[in-house]
Amino acid sequence: MPETPQESVSRRKTRQGIVTSDSRDRTITVRIDTSRRHPIYGKTVRQSTKLHAHDEENTAGIGDVVRVIESRPLSKQKRWRLVEIIEKAR
């Protein structure tokens, strides 16, 4: 039974983070911050991950809040693409 376009669900992961570097051509580095409760002690534990994302128009700058989506490997490190800039840095 083929899916109609309305029923198709994207299985790609999306993440929201802050741009920490935009010095490379068409590439940004995004820091993803997560916080969760420690399973035993109950203390909130903060963790961050850095992703390299493809920015085709070089529109994102340092400090911008952006949304990225998982994609095919674009280079050795890039596996994410910029979807939108949620908030520009002041």
C-alpha atoms as a PDB file:
ATOM      1  CA  MET A   1       0.000   0.000   0.000  1.00  0.00           C
ATOM      2  CA  PRO A   2       1.803   3.174  -1.170  1.00  0.00           C
ATOM      3  CA  GLU A   3       1.850   6.190   1.095  1.00  0.00           C
ATOM      4  CA  THR A   4       0.314   9.452   0.006  1.00  0.00           C
ATOM      5  CA  PRO A   5       2.370  12.627   0.513  1.00  0.00           C
ATOM      6  CA  GLN A   6       0.209  13.624   3.484  1.00  0.00           C
ATOM      7  CA  GLU A   7       0.884  10.317   5.264  1.00  0.00           C
ATOM      8  CA  SER A   8       4.657  10.204   4.728  1.00  0.00           C
ATOM      9  CA  VAL A   9       6.550  10.871   7.934  1.00  0.00           C
ATOM     10  CA  SER A  10      10.155  12.071   7.939  1.00  0.00           C
ATOM     11  CA  ARG A  11      12.414   9.693   9.828  1.00  0.00           C
ATOM     12  CA  ARG A  12      15.288  12.155   9.776  1.00  0.00           C
ATOM     13  CA  LYS A  13      16.451  13.553  13.087  1.00  0.00           C
ATOM     14  CA  THR A  14      16.247  17.296  13.660  1.00  0.00           C
ATOM     15  CA  ARG A  15      18.225  19.179  16.281  1.00  0.00           C
ATOM     16  CA  GLN A  16      18.241  22.770  17.518  1.00  0.00           C
ATOM     17  CA  GLY A  17      21.457  24.431  18.647  1.00  0.00           C
ATOM     18  CA  ILE A  18      23.738  27.457  18.668  1.00  0.00           C
ATOM     19  CA  VAL A  19      26.298  28.215  15.949  1.00  0.00           C
ATOM     20  CA  THR A  20      29.793  28.278  17.451  1.00  0.00           C
ATOM     21  CA  SER A  21      31.807  28.676  14.224  1.00  0.00           C
ATOM     22  CA  ASP A  22      31.113  29.846  10.686  1.00  0.00           C
ATOM     23  CA  SER A  23      34.698  30.315   9.470  1.00  0.00           C
ATOM     24  CA  ARG A  24      34.650  27.513   6.883  1.00  0.00           C
ATOM     25  CA  ASP A  25      32.999  27.966   3.497  1.00  0.00           C
ATOM     26  CA  ARG A  26      29.391  26.639   3.488  1.00  0.00           C
ATOM     27  CA  THR A  27      29.942  24.862   6.820  1.00  0.00           C
ATOM     28  CA  ILE A  28      28.857  25.760  10.340  1.00  0.00           C
ATOM     29  CA  THR A  29      29.619  24.150  13.681  1.00  0.00           C
ATOM     30  CA  VAL A  30      26.554  23.801  15.901  1.00  0.00           C
ATOM     31  CA  ARG A  31      26.557  23.103  19.653  1.00  0.00           C
ATOM     32  CA  ILE A  32      23.611  20.995  20.817  1.00  0.00           C
ATOM     33  CA  ASP A  33      22.936  21.333  24.567  1.00  0.00           C
ATOM     34  CA  THR A  34      20.980  18.643  26.402  1.00  0.00           C
ATOM     35  CA  SER A  35      20.064  18.322  30.057  1.00  0.00           C
ATOM     36  CA  ARG A  36      18.586  15.322  31.802  1.00  0.00           C
ATOM     37  CA  ARG A  37      18.118  13.967  35.304  1.00  0.00           C
ATOM     38  CA  HIS A  38      20.754  11.563  36.580  1.00  0.00           C
ATOM     39  CA  PRO A  39      19.049   8.176  36.980  1.00  0.00           C
ATOM     40  CA  ILE A  40      20.371   7.513  40.487  1.00  0.00           C
ATOM     41  CA  TYR A  41      21.219  10.862  42.084  1.00  0.00           C
ATOM     42  CA  GLY A  42      18.467  12.977  40.528  1.00  0.00           C
ATOM     43  CA  LYS A  43      20.807  15.877  39.781  1.00  0.00           C
ATOM     44  CA  THR A  44      20.384  17.624  36.431  1.00  0.00           C
ATOM     45  CA  VAL A  45      23.312  16.727  34.170  1.00  0.00           C
ATOM     46  CA  ARG A  46      24.164  19.002  31.240  1.00  0.00           C
ATOM     47  CA  GLN A  47      25.850  17.669  28.132  1.00  0.00           C
ATOM     48  CA  SER A  48      26.777  19.239  24.806  1.00  0.00           C
ATOM     49  CA  THR A  49      27.595  17.819  21.385  1.00  0.00           C
ATOM     50  CA  LYS A  50      29.148  19.540  18.375  1.00  0.00           C
ATOM     51  CA  LEU A  51      27.838  18.892  14.860  1.00  0.00           C
ATOM     52  CA  HIS A  52      29.114  20.092  11.496  1.00  0.00           C
ATOM     53  CA  ALA A  53      26.303  21.209   9.206  1.00  0.00           C
ATOM     54  CA  HIS A  54      26.067  22.319   5.584  1.00  0.00           C
ATOM     55  CA  ASP A  55      25.016  25.969   5.094  1.00  0.00           C
ATOM     56  CA  GLU A  56      24.588  26.470   1.345  1.00  0.00           C
ATOM     57  CA  GLU A  57      24.201  30.283   1.348  1.00  0.00           C
ATOM     58  CA  ASN A  58      26.554  31.065   4.273  1.00  0.00           C
ATOM     59  CA  THR A  59      23.658  32.788   6.052  1.00  0.00           C
ATOM     60  CA  ALA A  60      24.206  31.606   9.639  1.00  0.00           C
ATOM     61  CA  GLY A  61      26.561  33.510  11.924  1.00  0.00           C
ATOM     62  CA  ILE A  62      28.133  32.892  15.310  1.00  0.00           C
ATOM     63  CA  GLY A  63      25.545  32.918  18.098  1.00  0.00           C
ATOM     64  CA  ASP A  64      22.530  32.202  15.883  1.00  0.00           C
ATOM     65  CA  VAL A  65      20.002  29.626  17.060  1.00  0.00           C
ATOM     66  CA  VAL A  66      19.468  27.200  14.177  1.00  0.00           C
ATOM     67  CA  ARG A  67      17.624  23.993  13.303  1.00  0.00           C
ATOM     68  CA  VAL A  68      19.547  21.256  11.455  1.00  0.00           C
ATOM     69  CA  ILE A  69      18.341  18.006   9.884  1.00  0.00           C
ATOM     70  CA  GLU A  70      20.125  14.721   9.320  1.00  0.00           C
ATOM     71  CA  SER A  71      21.271  14.087   5.734  1.00  0.00           C
ATOM     72  CA  ARG A  72      23.526  11.883   3.668  1.00  0.00           C
ATOM     73  CA  PRO A  73      27.284  12.231   4.281  1.00  0.00           C
ATOM     74  CA  LEU A  74      28.408  15.456   2.607  1.00  0.00           C
ATOM     75  CA  SER A  75      32.056  15.211   3.656  1.00  0.00           C
ATOM     76  CA  LYS A  76      34.190  13.394   6.210  1.00  0.00           C
ATOM     77  CA  GLN A  77      32.490  15.152   9.130  1.00  0.00           C
ATOM     78  CA  LYS A  78      29.311  16.736   7.733  1.00  0.00           C
ATOM     79  CA  ARG A  79      26.151  14.673   8.124  1.00  0.00           C
ATOM     80  CA  TRP A  80      23.698  17.515   8.834  1.00  0.00           C
ATOM     81  CA  ARG A  81      22.105  20.351   6.810  1.00  0.00           C
ATOM     82  CA  LEU A  82      20.868  23.742   7.943  1.00  0.00           C
ATOM     83  CA  VAL A  83      17.060  23.932   7.761  1.00  0.00           C
ATOM     84  CA  GLU A  84      16.325  27.366   9.220  1.00  0.00           C
ATOM     85  CA  ILE A  85      17.694  30.129  11.383  1.00  0.00           C
ATOM     86  CA  ILE A  86      15.350  30.429  14.349  1.00  0.00           C
ATOM     87  CA  GLU A  87      16.924  33.481  15.951  1.00  0.00           C
ATOM     88  CA  LYS A  88      19.733  35.765  14.769  1.00  0.00           C
ATOM     89  CA  ALA A  89      22.427  36.757  17.258  1.00  0.00           C
ATOM     90  CA  ARG A  90      22.290  40.276  18.601  1.00  0.00           C
END
